[in-house]
Amino acid sequence: MRWDAPSLTIRTEFFKPEKGQYLHPQWDPKHPAKRVNRVITHLEAARLQDFPEDFEWCGSKSEIAKQIGNAVPVGLASAVAKQIKRALT
């Protein structure tokens, strides 16, 4: 992942470091040139999917990751729904 590029598609196994592509581009505050790769958190993945920060999740971490990864981003769902409503009226 990169700060200056759009996010990758969030999939259900984003929290596994062996997936590689979901590493947060965090820097070591003591050494800004050093990158400290870590997997993104469930909250970060949910925010990338456009869920509000206070959204309440149910289940284990693995079940929540599936919910996040299988979700259609909120903004995309809203835009599609508006177009469908417009076409039906």
PDB file of N, CA and C in Angstrom:
ATOM      1  N   MET A   1       0.842  -1.165   0.000  1.00  0.00           N
ATOM      2  CA  MET A   1       0.000   0.000   0.000  1.00  0.00           C
ATOM      3  C   MET A   1       0.892   1.233   0.000  1.00  0.00           C
ATOM      4  N   ARG A   2       0.332   2.310  -0.541  1.00  0.00           N
ATOM      5  CA  ARG A   2       1.102   3.553  -0.623  1.00  0.00           C
ATOM      6  C   ARG A   2       0.237   4.715  -0.171  1.00  0.00           C
ATOM      7  N   TRP A   3       0.873   5.709   0.425  1.00  0.00           N
ATOM      8  CA  TRP A   3       0.152   6.906   0.856  1.00  0.00           C
ATOM      9  C   TRP A   3      -0.372   7.685  -0.339  1.00  0.00           C
ATOM     10  N   ASP A   4       0.364   7.674  -1.433  1.00  0.00           N
ATOM     11  CA  ASP A   4       0.035   8.531  -2.571  1.00  0.00           C
ATOM     12  C   ASP A   4      -0.661   7.780  -3.703  1.00  0.00           C
ATOM     13  N   ALA A   5      -1.331   6.682  -3.393  1.00  0.00           N
ATOM     14  CA  ALA A   5      -2.033   5.898  -4.417  1.00  0.00           C
ATOM     15  C   ALA A   5      -3.344   5.377  -3.835  1.00  0.00           C
ATOM     16  N   PRO A   6      -4.306   5.097  -4.702  1.00  0.00           N
ATOM     17  CA  PRO A   6      -5.558   4.521  -4.190  1.00  0.00           C
ATOM     18  C   PRO A   6      -5.304   3.186  -3.501  1.00  0.00           C
ATOM     19  N   SER A   7      -6.192   2.855  -2.590  1.00  0.00           N
ATOM     20  CA  SER A   7      -6.085   1.595  -1.869  1.00  0.00           C
ATOM     21  C   SER A   7      -6.327   0.418  -2.803  1.00  0.00           C
ATOM     22  N   LEU A   8      -5.748  -0.698  -2.435  1.00  0.00           N
ATOM     23  CA  LEU A   8      -6.069  -1.943  -3.114  1.00  0.00           C
ATOM     24  C   LEU A   8      -7.481  -2.357  -2.717  1.00  0.00           C
ATOM     25  N   THR A   9      -8.076  -3.274  -3.456  1.00  0.00           N
ATOM     26  CA  THR A   9      -9.347  -3.840  -3.048  1.00  0.00           C
ATOM     27  C   THR A   9      -9.136  -4.579  -1.744  1.00  0.00           C
ATOM     28  N   ILE A  10      -9.983  -4.301  -0.767  1.00  0.00           N
ATOM     29  CA  ILE A  10      -9.863  -4.963   0.528  1.00  0.00           C
ATOM     30  C   ILE A  10     -10.513  -6.341   0.427  1.00  0.00           C
ATOM     31  N   ARG A  11      -9.738  -7.361   0.701  1.00  0.00           N
ATOM     32  CA  ARG A  11     -10.233  -8.739   0.644  1.00  0.00           C
ATOM     33  C   ARG A  11     -10.343  -9.302   2.050  1.00  0.00           C
ATOM     34  N   THR A  12     -10.912 -10.484   2.182  1.00  0.00           N
ATOM     35  CA  THR A  12     -11.213 -11.045   3.493  1.00  0.00           C
ATOM     36  C   THR A  12      -9.990 -11.425   4.318  1.00  0.00           C
ATOM     37  N   GLU A  13      -8.828 -11.570   3.708  1.00  0.00           N
ATOM     38  CA  GLU A  13      -7.637 -11.974   4.453  1.00  0.00           C
ATOM     39  C   GLU A  13      -6.596 -10.863   4.518  1.00  0.00           C
ATOM     40  N   PHE A  14      -7.076  -9.615   4.564  1.00  0.00           N
ATOM     41  CA  PHE A  14      -6.176  -8.470   4.588  1.00  0.00           C
ATOM     42  C   PHE A  14      -5.268  -8.463   5.817  1.00  0.00           C
ATOM     43  N   PHE A  15      -5.670  -9.122   6.898  1.00  0.00           N
ATOM     44  CA  PHE A  15      -4.941  -9.080   8.159  1.00  0.00           C
ATOM     45  C   PHE A  15      -3.796 -10.087   8.232  1.00  0.00           C
ATOM     46  N   LYS A  16      -3.576 -10.859   7.185  1.00  0.00           N
ATOM     47  CA  LYS A  16      -2.502 -11.850   7.188  1.00  0.00           C
ATOM     48  C   LYS A  16      -1.252 -11.268   6.521  1.00  0.00           C
ATOM     49  N   PRO A  17      -0.149 -11.178   7.248  1.00  0.00           N
ATOM     50  CA  PRO A  17       1.047 -10.561   6.675  1.00  0.00           C
ATOM     51  C   PRO A  17       1.581 -11.298   5.451  1.00  0.00           C
ATOM     52  N   GLU A  18       1.338 -12.597   5.360  1.00  0.00           N
ATOM     53  CA  GLU A  18       1.845 -13.337   4.196  1.00  0.00           C
ATOM     54  C   GLU A  18       1.144 -12.929   2.905  1.00  0.00           C
ATOM     55  N   LYS A  19       0.035 -12.216   3.009  1.00  0.00           N
ATOM     56  CA  LYS A  19      -0.639 -11.726   1.802  1.00  0.00           C
ATOM     57  C   LYS A  19       0.148 -10.561   1.196  1.00  0.00           C
ATOM     58  N   GLY A  20       0.979  -9.911   2.006  1.00  0.00           N
ATOM     59  CA  GLY A  20       1.935  -8.920   1.513  1.00  0.00           C
ATOM     60  C   GLY A  20       1.378  -7.610   1.027  1.00  0.00           C
ATOM     61  N   GLN A  21       0.348  -7.637   0.242  1.00  0.00           N
ATOM     62  CA  GLN A  21      -0.123  -6.390  -0.375  1.00  0.00           C
ATOM     63  C   GLN A  21      -0.888  -5.486   0.584  1.00  0.00           C
ATOM     64  N   TYR A  22      -1.194  -5.966   1.770  1.00  0.00           N
ATOM     65  CA  TYR A  22      -1.933  -5.164   2.738  1.00  0.00           C
ATOM     66  C   TYR A  22      -1.053  -4.651   3.865  1.00  0.00           C
ATOM     67  N   LEU A  23       0.197  -4.376   3.551  1.00  0.00           N
ATOM     68  CA  LEU A  23       1.113  -3.830   4.544  1.00  0.00           C
ATOM     69  C   LEU A  23       0.984  -2.309   4.560  1.00  0.00           C
ATOM     70  N   HIS A  24       0.770  -1.774   5.740  1.00  0.00           N
ATOM     71  CA  HIS A  24       0.607  -0.333   5.923  1.00  0.00           C
ATOM     72  C   HIS A  24       1.958   0.349   5.748  1.00  0.00           C
ATOM     73  N   PRO A  25       2.007   1.431   4.979  1.00  0.00           N
ATOM     74  CA  PRO A  25       3.293   2.106   4.743  1.00  0.00           C
ATOM     75  C   PRO A  25       3.667   3.046   5.884  1.00  0.00           C
ATOM     76  N   GLN A  26       3.803   2.521   7.065  1.00  0.00           N
ATOM     77  CA  GLN A  26       4.111   3.318   8.252  1.00  0.00           C
ATOM     78  C   GLN A  26       5.615   3.544   8.344  1.00  0.00           C
ATOM     79  N   TRP A  27       6.003   4.714   8.858  1.00  0.00           N
ATOM     80  CA  TRP A  27       7.413   5.020   9.051  1.00  0.00           C
ATOM     81  C   TRP A  27       7.747   4.994  10.525  1.00  0.00           C
ATOM     82  N   ASP A  28       8.989   4.698  10.817  1.00  0.00           N
ATOM     83  CA  ASP A  28       9.499   4.750  12.178  1.00  0.00           C
ATOM     84  C   ASP A  28       9.670   6.229  12.530  1.00  0.00           C
ATOM     85  N   PRO A  29       8.967   6.734  13.556  1.00  0.00           N
ATOM     86  CA  PRO A  29       9.074   8.154  13.883  1.00  0.00           C
ATOM     87  C   PRO A  29      10.485   8.608  14.220  1.00  0.00           C
ATOM     88  N   LYS A  30      11.312   7.693  14.759  1.00  0.00           N
ATOM     89  CA  LYS A  30      12.690   8.053  15.098  1.00  0.00           C
ATOM     90  C   LYS A  30      13.590   8.072  13.863  1.00  0.00           C
ATOM     91  N   HIS A  31      13.187   7.315  12.838  1.00  0.00           N
ATOM     92  CA  HIS A  31      13.959   7.226  11.600  1.00  0.00           C
ATOM     93  C   HIS A  31      12.981   7.302  10.426  1.00  0.00           C
ATOM     94  N   PRO A  32      12.563   8.513  10.038  1.00  0.00           N
ATOM     95  CA  PRO A  32      11.542   8.659   8.999  1.00  0.00           C
ATOM     96  C   PRO A  32      11.853   7.967   7.678  1.00  0.00           C
ATOM     97  N   ALA A  33      13.113   7.742   7.395  1.00  0.00           N
ATOM     98  CA  ALA A  33      13.455   7.068   6.141  1.00  0.00           C
ATOM     99  C   ALA A  33      13.189   5.570   6.214  1.00  0.00           C
ATOM    100  N   LYS A  34      13.048   5.034   7.413  1.00  0.00           N
ATOM    101  CA  LYS A  34      12.818   3.603   7.585  1.00  0.00           C
ATOM    102  C   LYS A  34      11.328   3.295   7.536  1.00  0.00           C
ATOM    103  N   ARG A  35      10.995   2.317   6.756  1.00  0.00           N
ATOM    104  CA  ARG A  35       9.609   1.879   6.653  1.00  0.00           C
ATOM    105  C   ARG A  35       9.364   0.747   7.652  1.00  0.00           C
ATOM    106  N   VAL A  36       8.257   0.808   8.362  1.00  0.00           N
ATOM    107  CA  VAL A  36       7.896  -0.224   9.331  1.00  0.00           C
ATOM    108  C   VAL A  36       6.627  -0.887   8.810  1.00  0.00           C
ATOM    109  N   ASN A  37       6.799  -1.900   8.001  1.00  0.00           N
ATOM    110  CA  ASN A  37       5.628  -2.558   7.426  1.00  0.00           C
ATOM    111  C   ASN A  37       4.884  -3.362   8.484  1.00  0.00           C
ATOM    112  N   ARG A  38       3.583  -3.193   8.479  1.00  0.00           N
ATOM    113  CA  ARG A  38       2.699  -3.953   9.352  1.00  0.00           C
ATOM    114  C   ARG A  38       1.393  -4.139   8.598  1.00  0.00           C
ATOM    115  N   VAL A  39       0.647  -5.166   8.959  1.00  0.00           N
ATOM    116  CA  VAL A  39      -0.650  -5.351   8.296  1.00  0.00           C
ATOM    117  C   VAL A  39      -1.590  -4.250   8.754  1.00  0.00           C
ATOM    118  N   ILE A  40      -2.546  -3.911   7.900  1.00  0.00           N
ATOM    119  CA  ILE A  40      -3.524  -2.914   8.302  1.00  0.00           C
ATOM    120  C   ILE A  40      -4.460  -3.529   9.342  1.00  0.00           C
ATOM    121  N   THR A  41      -4.979  -2.680  10.198  1.00  0.00           N
ATOM    122  CA  THR A  41      -5.885  -3.153  11.240  1.00  0.00           C
ATOM    123  C   THR A  41      -7.288  -3.327  10.665  1.00  0.00           C
ATOM    124  N   HIS A  42      -8.121  -3.982  11.418  1.00  0.00           N
ATOM    125  CA  HIS A  42      -9.522  -4.142  11.012  1.00  0.00           C
ATOM    126  C   HIS A  42     -10.187  -2.777  10.877  1.00  0.00           C
ATOM    127  N   LEU A  43      -9.889  -1.857  11.793  1.00  0.00           N
ATOM    128  CA  LEU A  43     -10.460  -0.513  11.707  1.00  0.00           C
ATOM    129  C   LEU A  43      -9.998   0.194  10.443  1.00  0.00           C
ATOM    130  N   GLU A  44      -8.718   0.099  10.125  1.00  0.00           N
ATOM    131  CA  GLU A  44      -8.203   0.741   8.913  1.00  0.00           C
ATOM    132  C   GLU A  44      -8.857   0.150   7.665  1.00  0.00           C
ATOM    133  N   ALA A  45      -9.020  -1.163   7.634  1.00  0.00           N
ATOM    134  CA  ALA A  45      -9.673  -1.807   6.486  1.00  0.00           C
ATOM    135  C   ALA A  45     -11.118  -1.354   6.375  1.00  0.00           C
ATOM    136  N   ALA A  46     -11.808  -1.276   7.506  1.00  0.00           N
ATOM    137  CA  ALA A  46     -13.203  -0.830   7.505  1.00  0.00           C
ATOM    138  C   ALA A  46     -13.315   0.617   7.036  1.00  0.00           C
ATOM    139  N   ARG A  47     -12.382   1.463   7.440  1.00  0.00           N
ATOM    140  CA  ARG A  47     -12.401   2.876   7.006  1.00  0.00           C
ATOM    141  C   ARG A  47     -12.134   2.975   5.501  1.00  0.00           C
ATOM    142  N   LEU A  48     -11.242   2.123   4.981  1.00  0.00           N
ATOM    143  CA  LEU A  48     -11.005   2.109   3.536  1.00  0.00           C
ATOM    144  C   LEU A  48     -12.259   1.679   2.779  1.00  0.00           C
ATOM    145  N   GLN A  49     -13.069   0.848   3.413  1.00  0.00           N
ATOM    146  CA  GLN A  49     -14.336   0.403   2.816  1.00  0.00           C
ATOM    147  C   GLN A  49     -15.445   1.419   3.065  1.00  0.00           C
ATOM    148  N   ASP A  50     -15.115   2.540   3.695  1.00  0.00           N
ATOM    149  CA  ASP A  50     -16.033   3.654   3.910  1.00  0.00           C
ATOM    150  C   ASP A  50     -17.024   3.422   5.052  1.00  0.00           C
ATOM    151  N   PHE A  51     -16.724   2.478   5.948  1.00  0.00           N
ATOM    152  CA  PHE A  51     -17.571   2.311   7.127  1.00  0.00           C
ATOM    153  C   PHE A  51     -17.258   3.418   8.118  1.00  0.00           C
ATOM    154  N   PRO A  52     -18.266   3.894   8.849  1.00  0.00           N
ATOM    155  CA  PRO A  52     -17.989   4.915   9.871  1.00  0.00           C
ATOM    156  C   PRO A  52     -17.129   4.327  10.989  1.00  0.00           C
ATOM    157  N   GLU A  53     -16.347   5.173  11.612  1.00  0.00           N
ATOM    158  CA  GLU A  53     -15.412   4.707  12.643  1.00  0.00           C
ATOM    159  C   GLU A  53     -16.132   4.062  13.825  1.00  0.00           C
ATOM    160  N   ASP A  54     -17.358   4.484  14.099  1.00  0.00           N
ATOM    161  CA  ASP A  54     -18.082   3.935  15.245  1.00  0.00           C
ATOM    162  C   ASP A  54     -18.986   2.751  14.883  1.00  0.00           C
ATOM    163  N   PHE A  55     -18.837   2.201  13.684  1.00  0.00           N
ATOM    164  CA  PHE A  55     -19.634   1.036  13.284  1.00  0.00           C
ATOM    165  C   PHE A  55     -19.323  -0.118  14.229  1.00  0.00           C
ATOM    166  N   GLU A  56     -20.352  -0.820  14.675  1.00  0.00           N
ATOM    167  CA  GLU A  56     -20.153  -1.920  15.614  1.00  0.00           C
ATOM    168  C   GLU A  56     -20.166  -3.256  14.881  1.00  0.00           C
ATOM    169  N   TRP A  57     -19.098  -4.023  15.073  1.00  0.00           N
ATOM    170  CA  TRP A  57     -18.939  -5.315  14.416  1.00  0.00           C
ATOM    171  C   TRP A  57     -19.251  -6.435  15.398  1.00  0.00           C
ATOM    172  N   CYS A  58     -19.692  -7.560  14.889  1.00  0.00           N
ATOM    173  CA  CYS A  58     -19.985  -8.738  15.721  1.00  0.00           C
ATOM    174  C   CYS A  58     -19.198  -9.922  15.191  1.00  0.00           C
ATOM    175  N   GLY A  59     -18.696 -10.756  16.106  1.00  0.00           N
ATOM    176  CA  GLY A  59     -17.991 -11.968  15.725  1.00  0.00           C
ATOM    177  C   GLY A  59     -16.526 -11.921  16.081  1.00  0.00           C
ATOM    178  N   SER A  60     -15.833 -12.974  15.676  1.00  0.00           N
ATOM    179  CA  SER A  60     -14.386 -13.067  15.911  1.00  0.00           C
ATOM    180  C   SER A  60     -13.656 -12.149  14.931  1.00  0.00           C
ATOM    181  N   LYS A  61     -12.366 -11.945  15.150  1.00  0.00           N
ATOM    182  CA  LYS A  61     -11.585 -11.105  14.225  1.00  0.00           C
ATOM    183  C   LYS A  61     -11.639 -11.643  12.805  1.00  0.00           C
ATOM    184  N   SER A  62     -11.593 -12.960  12.663  1.00  0.00           N
ATOM    185  CA  SER A  62     -11.657 -13.572  11.340  1.00  0.00           C
ATOM    186  C   SER A  62     -13.032 -13.346  10.698  1.00  0.00           C
ATOM    187  N   GLU A  63     -14.092 -13.477  11.479  1.00  0.00           N
ATOM    188  CA  GLU A  63     -15.450 -13.244  10.959  1.00  0.00           C
ATOM    189  C   GLU A  63     -15.653 -11.781  10.584  1.00  0.00           C
ATOM    190  N   ILE A  64     -15.115 -10.878  11.401  1.00  0.00           N
ATOM    191  CA  ILE A  64     -15.213  -9.451  11.089  1.00  0.00           C
ATOM    192  C   ILE A  64     -14.435  -9.128   9.824  1.00  0.00           C
ATOM    193  N   ALA A  65     -13.263  -9.727   9.659  1.00  0.00           N
ATOM    194  CA  ALA A  65     -12.471  -9.512   8.438  1.00  0.00           C
ATOM    195  C   ALA A  65     -13.255  -9.960   7.207  1.00  0.00           C
ATOM    196  N   LYS A  66     -13.985 -11.053   7.310  1.00  0.00           N
ATOM    197  CA  LYS A  66     -14.809 -11.514   6.188  1.00  0.00           C
ATOM    198  C   LYS A  66     -15.921 -10.516   5.884  1.00  0.00           C
ATOM    199  N   GLN A  67     -16.527  -9.962   6.936  1.00  0.00           N
ATOM    200  CA  GLN A  67     -17.578  -8.974   6.742  1.00  0.00           C
ATOM    201  C   GLN A  67     -17.030  -7.737   6.031  1.00  0.00           C
ATOM    202  N   ILE A  68     -15.863  -7.291   6.455  1.00  0.00           N
ATOM    203  CA  ILE A  68     -15.238  -6.111   5.855  1.00  0.00           C
ATOM    204  C   ILE A  68     -14.832  -6.409   4.412  1.00  0.00           C
ATOM    205  N   GLY A  69     -14.162  -7.528   4.199  1.00  0.00           N
ATOM    206  CA  GLY A  69     -13.655  -7.867   2.871  1.00  0.00           C
ATOM    207  C   GLY A  69     -14.743  -8.182   1.863  1.00  0.00           C
ATOM    208  N   ASN A  70     -15.879  -8.693   2.316  1.00  0.00           N
ATOM    209  CA  ASN A  70     -16.978  -9.026   1.405  1.00  0.00           C
ATOM    210  C   ASN A  70     -17.930  -7.865   1.174  1.00  0.00           C
ATOM    211  N   ALA A  71     -17.741  -6.789   1.900  1.00  0.00           N
ATOM    212  CA  ALA A  71     -18.651  -5.645   1.800  1.00  0.00           C
ATOM    213  C   ALA A  71     -18.410  -4.835   0.519  1.00  0.00           C
ATOM    214  N   VAL A  72     -19.470  -4.253   0.046  1.00  0.00           N
ATOM    215  CA  VAL A  72     -19.359  -3.252  -1.018  1.00  0.00           C
ATOM    216  C   VAL A  72     -19.110  -1.932  -0.292  1.00  0.00           C
ATOM    217  N   PRO A  73     -18.112  -1.145  -0.710  1.00  0.00           N
ATOM    218  CA  PRO A  73     -17.865   0.129  -0.032  1.00  0.00           C
ATOM    219  C   PRO A  73     -19.150   0.962   0.051  1.00  0.00           C
ATOM    220  N   VAL A  74     -19.360   1.575   1.197  1.00  0.00           N
ATOM    221  CA  VAL A  74     -20.597   2.303   1.471  1.00  0.00           C
ATOM    222  C   VAL A  74     -20.879   3.362   0.405  1.00  0.00           C
ATOM    223  N   GLY A  75     -19.872   4.122   0.033  1.00  0.00           N
ATOM    224  CA  GLY A  75     -20.061   5.168  -0.976  1.00  0.00           C
ATOM    225  C   GLY A  75     -20.462   4.606  -2.329  1.00  0.00           C
ATOM    226  N   LEU A  76     -19.887   3.492  -2.718  1.00  0.00           N
ATOM    227  CA  LEU A  76     -20.238   2.852  -3.982  1.00  0.00           C
ATOM    228  C   LEU A  76     -21.676   2.342  -3.945  1.00  0.00           C
ATOM    229  N   ALA A  77     -22.053   1.683  -2.855  1.00  0.00           N
ATOM    230  CA  ALA A  77     -23.423   1.179  -2.716  1.00  0.00           C
ATOM    231  C   ALA A  77     -24.426   2.323  -2.780  1.00  0.00           C
ATOM    232  N   SER A  78     -24.106   3.428  -2.136  1.00  0.00           N
ATOM    233  CA  SER A  78     -24.986   4.596  -2.141  1.00  0.00           C
ATOM    234  C   SER A  78     -25.145   5.166  -3.551  1.00  0.00           C
ATOM    235  N   ALA A  79     -24.046   5.285  -4.281  1.00  0.00           N
ATOM    236  CA  ALA A  79     -24.097   5.826  -5.645  1.00  0.00           C
ATOM    237  C   ALA A  79     -24.913   4.919  -6.570  1.00  0.00           C
ATOM    238  N   VAL A  80     -24.734   3.613  -6.446  1.00  0.00           N
ATOM    239  CA  VAL A  80     -25.491   2.665  -7.270  1.00  0.00           C
ATOM    240  C   VAL A  80     -26.984   2.760  -6.927  1.00  0.00           C
ATOM    241  N   ALA A  81     -27.299   2.798  -5.622  1.00  0.00           N
ATOM    242  CA  ALA A  81     -28.694   2.888  -5.189  1.00  0.00           C
ATOM    243  C   ALA A  81     -29.365   4.156  -5.715  1.00  0.00           C
ATOM    244  N   LYS A  82     -28.648   5.268  -5.701  1.00  0.00           N
ATOM    245  CA  LYS A  82     -29.212   6.528  -6.218  1.00  0.00           C
ATOM    246  C   LYS A  82     -29.535   6.415  -7.704  1.00  0.00           C
ATOM    247  N   GLN A  83     -28.649   5.767  -8.459  1.00  0.00           N
ATOM    248  CA  GLN A  83     -28.903   5.606  -9.895  1.00  0.00           C
ATOM    249  C   GLN A  83     -30.071   4.670 -10.161  1.00  0.00           C
ATOM    250  N   ILE A  84     -30.197   3.627  -9.378  1.00  0.00           N
ATOM    251  CA  ILE A  84     -31.332   2.697  -9.540  1.00  0.00           C
ATOM    252  C   ILE A  84     -32.632   3.426  -9.209  1.00  0.00           C
ATOM    253  N   LYS A  85     -32.620   4.182  -8.106  1.00  0.00           N
ATOM    254  CA  LYS A  85     -33.831   4.943  -7.722  1.00  0.00           C
ATOM    255  C   LYS A  85     -34.207   5.920  -8.823  1.00  0.00           C
ATOM    256  N   ARG A  86     -33.209   6.595  -9.361  1.00  0.00           N
ATOM    257  CA  ARG A  86     -33.442   7.576 -10.432  1.00  0.00           C
ATOM    258  C   ARG A  86     -34.045   6.896 -11.660  1.00  0.00           C
ATOM    259  N   ALA A  87     -33.542   5.718 -12.004  1.00  0.00           N
ATOM    260  CA  ALA A  87     -34.039   4.989 -13.181  1.00  0.00           C
ATOM    261  C   ALA A  87     -35.465   4.485 -12.963  1.00  0.00           C
ATOM    262  N   LEU A  88     -35.829   4.196 -11.718  1.00  0.00           N
ATOM    263  CA  LEU A  88     -37.155   3.673 -11.434  1.00  0.00           C
ATOM    264  C   LEU A  88     -38.222   4.754 -11.271  1.00  0.00           C
ATOM    265  N   THR A  89     -37.789   6.002 -11.083  1.00  0.00           N
ATOM    266  CA  THR A  89     -38.771   7.081 -10.898  1.00  0.00           C
ATOM    267  C   THR A  89     -38.940   7.933 -12.116  1.00  0.00           C
TER     268      THR A  89
END
